[in-house]
């Protein structure tokens, strides 16, 4: 339901949407979120992992797409939304994050942010946030007591996304509407599906 709500909001601003069709039949034991992702990937996908939280995370990445001027993020129900790329360098976003807000995954992604595609595509932070969200939701659906770090990392990535959003909306030449809609939608999804979310992430996309 939330995915369709985002589509209606973005459609009002003429955001581009793409559909990822079902191409395989995952095991019946998979949870809803993992089934939604895995069914849109080939049976022999490199995203497959014995750890189902990791499978959901990596599978979500595999369903995202880049194209000039945009990055398409998979949001569930077969839907990929393309968000305009803000004219920012990913390294500048990481540099703007205060030390006390960096968390434990900062250095890993700061280094990743220097690689070829990432360097000029700061929306990869949304790609990662969506992937961590799918992993965390899958963890909840599986009722796992383990893999709590997925929730924490999701909140850390949300913080990075918040700094990206803050920087992007301050640029007069950038229309931040679609970016804002996505961030508000995904943060609402996290609040609904990840226990203790508002103690881990305290920013707001206002």
Protein backbone atom coordinates (compact mmCIF):
# COMPACT_ATOMS: atom_id res chain seq x y z
CA UNK A 1 0.00 0.00 0.00
CA UNK A 2 2.76 2.46 0.90
CA UNK A 3 4.47 1.87 -2.44
CA UNK A 4 1.33 2.85 -4.32
CA UNK A 5 0.90 5.93 -2.11
CA UNK A 6 4.36 7.08 -3.15
CA UNK A 7 3.57 6.44 -6.81
CA UNK A 8 0.45 8.61 -6.62
CA UNK A 9 2.41 11.41 -4.96
CA UNK A 10 5.25 11.26 -7.46
CA UNK A 11 2.92 10.92 -10.44
CA UNK A 12 1.45 14.32 -9.58
CA UNK A 13 4.90 15.74 -10.28
CA UNK A 14 5.33 13.66 -13.44
CA UNK A 15 8.09 11.52 -11.92
CA UNK A 16 9.13 8.59 -14.12
CA UNK A 17 8.10 5.13 -12.95
CA UNK A 18 9.19 1.75 -14.31
CA UNK A 19 7.82 -1.73 -13.66
CA UNK A 20 10.02 -4.72 -12.81
CA UNK A 21 8.11 -7.86 -13.90
CA UNK A 22 7.99 -11.20 -12.11
CA UNK A 23 10.48 -13.56 -13.78
CA UNK A 24 10.85 -16.44 -11.30
CA UNK A 25 9.09 -18.33 -8.51
CA UNK A 26 10.87 -18.05 -5.14
CA UNK A 27 10.43 -20.70 -2.41
CA UNK A 28 7.02 -20.64 -0.75
CA UNK A 29 8.69 -20.19 2.65
CA UNK A 30 10.01 -16.73 1.75
CA UNK A 31 8.40 -13.76 3.49
CA UNK A 32 6.34 -11.21 1.54
CA UNK A 33 9.13 -8.66 1.13
CA UNK A 34 11.75 -11.16 0.06
CA UNK A 35 9.29 -12.87 -2.29
CA UNK A 36 8.48 -9.53 -3.92
CA UNK A 37 12.17 -8.91 -4.56
CA UNK A 38 13.33 -12.44 -5.43
CA UNK A 39 10.47 -13.02 -7.89
CA UNK A 40 11.76 -10.15 -10.03
CA UNK A 41 15.27 -11.61 -10.27
CA UNK A 42 16.38 -14.66 -12.28
CA UNK A 43 16.69 -17.95 -10.41
CA UNK A 44 20.50 -17.86 -10.75
CA UNK A 45 20.86 -14.24 -9.58
CA UNK A 46 24.12 -13.23 -7.91
CA UNK A 47 22.00 -11.43 -5.28
CA UNK A 48 20.98 -14.79 -3.80
CA UNK A 49 22.37 -15.44 -0.31
CA UNK A 50 21.79 -18.09 2.34
CA UNK A 51 21.21 -15.24 4.81
CA UNK A 52 17.74 -14.04 3.83
CA UNK A 53 18.24 -10.54 5.28
CA UNK A 54 21.29 -10.15 3.06
CA UNK A 55 19.35 -11.60 0.12
CA UNK A 56 16.63 -8.96 0.55
CA UNK A 57 19.23 -6.18 0.84
CA UNK A 58 21.26 -7.23 -2.19
CA UNK A 59 18.20 -8.13 -4.23
CA UNK A 60 16.80 -4.64 -3.71
CA UNK A 61 20.07 -3.26 -5.09
CA UNK A 62 19.80 -5.49 -8.15
CA UNK A 63 16.38 -4.02 -8.93
CA UNK A 64 17.62 -0.42 -8.91
CA UNK A 65 18.76 1.27 -12.12
CA UNK A 66 20.83 4.26 -13.13
CA UNK A 67 20.34 6.44 -16.18
CA UNK A 68 21.70 9.87 -17.13
CA UNK A 69 20.39 12.51 -14.77
CA UNK A 70 18.40 10.09 -12.59
CA UNK A 71 18.68 7.08 -10.33
CA UNK A 72 15.88 4.51 -10.18
CA UNK A 73 15.21 3.08 -6.72
CA UNK A 74 13.18 -0.10 -6.22
CA UNK A 75 10.36 0.52 -3.74
CA UNK A 76 8.38 -2.75 -3.84
CA UNK A 77 5.36 -4.13 -5.70
CA UNK A 78 7.41 -4.21 -8.89
CA UNK A 79 7.86 -0.44 -8.88
CA UNK A 80 11.04 1.49 -9.59
CA UNK A 81 10.93 5.28 -9.29
CA UNK A 82 13.46 7.57 -10.97
CA UNK A 83 14.60 10.54 -8.90
CA UNK A 84 16.51 13.45 -10.46
CA UNK A 85 20.17 13.52 -9.46
CA UNK A 86 21.11 16.62 -7.46
CA UNK A 87 24.28 18.40 -8.66
CA UNK A 88 26.34 17.28 -5.69
CA UNK A 89 29.41 15.11 -5.28
CA UNK A 90 28.93 12.17 -2.96
CA UNK A 91 32.22 12.99 -1.24
CA UNK A 92 30.86 16.42 -0.33
CA UNK A 93 27.81 14.86 1.27
CA UNK A 94 29.95 12.57 3.40
CA UNK A 95 32.21 15.46 4.37
CA UNK A 96 29.17 17.41 5.61
CA UNK A 97 28.08 14.69 8.05
CA UNK A 98 29.20 15.61 11.60
CA UNK A 99 31.45 13.09 13.33
CA UNK A 100 28.85 12.39 16.01
CA UNK A 101 26.33 11.34 13.33
CA UNK A 102 28.57 9.11 11.23
CA UNK A 103 28.02 5.79 12.99
CA UNK A 104 29.82 2.53 12.31
CA UNK A 105 29.30 2.22 8.54
CA UNK A 106 30.50 5.70 7.63
CA UNK A 107 34.04 4.82 6.56
CA UNK A 108 32.88 1.88 4.43
CA UNK A 109 30.49 4.04 2.46
CA UNK A 110 32.75 7.08 2.35
CA UNK A 111 35.26 4.92 0.49
CA UNK A 112 32.51 3.47 -1.68
CA UNK A 113 31.46 7.03 -2.46
CA UNK A 114 34.78 7.64 -4.20
CA UNK A 115 34.21 4.90 -6.78
CA UNK A 116 33.28 5.77 -10.36
CA UNK A 117 29.47 5.66 -10.37
CA UNK A 118 29.01 6.66 -6.76
CA UNK A 119 31.26 9.72 -6.98
CA UNK A 120 28.79 11.70 -9.10
CA UNK A 121 25.60 9.87 -8.06
CA UNK A 122 24.77 10.82 -4.46
CA UNK A 123 21.38 9.12 -4.83
CA UNK A 124 23.22 5.86 -4.22
CA UNK A 125 22.63 6.80 -0.59
CA UNK A 126 18.91 6.32 -1.24
CA UNK A 127 19.68 3.05 -3.02
CA UNK A 128 21.47 1.86 0.12
CA UNK A 129 18.77 3.16 2.45
CA UNK A 130 16.09 1.30 0.48
CA UNK A 131 18.22 -1.87 0.55
CA UNK A 132 18.76 -1.67 4.32
CA UNK A 133 15.04 -1.01 4.75
CA UNK A 134 14.14 -4.14 2.79
CA UNK A 135 16.64 -6.16 4.80
CA UNK A 136 15.31 -4.87 8.10
CA UNK A 137 11.68 -5.45 7.14
CA UNK A 138 12.58 -8.99 6.06
CA UNK A 139 14.28 -9.51 9.41
CA UNK A 140 11.06 -8.49 11.15
CA UNK A 141 8.93 -10.73 8.94
CA UNK A 142 11.23 -13.66 9.77
CA UNK A 143 10.97 -12.78 13.49
CA UNK A 144 14.73 -13.02 13.87
CA UNK A 145 16.37 -12.13 17.17
CA UNK A 146 19.66 -11.82 15.29
CA UNK A 147 20.77 -9.29 12.64
CA UNK A 148 19.87 -6.25 14.79
CA UNK A 149 22.71 -4.41 13.08
CA UNK A 150 20.59 -4.21 9.93
CA UNK A 151 18.18 -1.86 11.76
CA UNK A 152 21.00 0.29 13.10
CA UNK A 153 22.69 0.54 9.72
CA UNK A 154 19.35 1.47 8.15
CA UNK A 155 19.07 4.37 10.60
CA UNK A 156 22.65 5.46 9.91
CA UNK A 157 21.97 5.44 6.17
CA UNK A 158 18.79 7.43 6.76
CA UNK A 159 20.95 10.04 8.49
CA UNK A 160 23.26 10.21 5.47
CA UNK A 161 20.18 10.55 3.24
CA UNK A 162 18.92 13.37 5.45
CA UNK A 163 22.15 15.31 4.96
CA UNK A 164 21.96 14.70 1.20
CA UNK A 165 18.35 15.94 1.18
CA UNK A 166 19.24 19.02 3.22
CA UNK A 167 22.04 19.95 0.83
CA UNK A 168 20.03 19.21 -2.31
CA UNK A 169 16.96 21.24 -1.37
CA UNK A 170 19.19 24.26 -0.68
CA UNK A 171 20.27 24.32 -4.34
CA UNK A 172 18.12 26.82 -6.29
CA UNK A 173 18.68 24.97 -9.58
CA UNK A 174 17.46 21.62 -8.22
CA UNK A 175 13.81 20.62 -7.90
CA UNK A 176 13.83 18.53 -4.73
CA UNK A 177 10.17 17.49 -4.86
CA UNK A 178 10.70 13.84 -5.85
CA UNK A 179 13.66 13.46 -3.52
CA UNK A 180 11.59 14.84 -0.65
CA UNK A 181 8.63 12.57 -1.42
CA UNK A 182 10.83 9.49 -1.49
CA UNK A 183 12.60 10.35 1.77
CA UNK A 184 9.34 11.04 3.60
CA UNK A 185 7.83 7.83 2.26
CA UNK A 186 10.77 5.60 3.15
CA UNK A 187 11.09 7.14 6.61
CA UNK A 188 7.40 6.42 7.21
CA UNK A 189 7.98 2.84 6.10
CA UNK A 190 10.84 2.55 8.58
CA UNK A 191 8.71 3.97 11.40
CA UNK A 192 5.99 1.43 10.71
CA UNK A 193 8.16 -1.65 10.22
CA UNK A 194 11.35 -1.24 12.29
CA UNK A 195 10.93 -1.41 16.10
CA UNK A 196 12.49 1.52 17.96
CA UNK A 197 13.05 3.47 14.76
CA UNK A 198 12.54 6.93 16.26
CA UNK A 199 15.15 6.25 18.92
CA UNK A 200 17.71 5.41 16.23
CA UNK A 201 16.76 8.13 13.73
CA UNK A 202 15.60 11.46 15.09
CA UNK A 203 15.72 13.72 12.03
CA UNK A 204 12.66 14.72 10.01
CA UNK A 205 12.22 15.37 6.31
CA UNK A 206 10.29 18.64 6.62
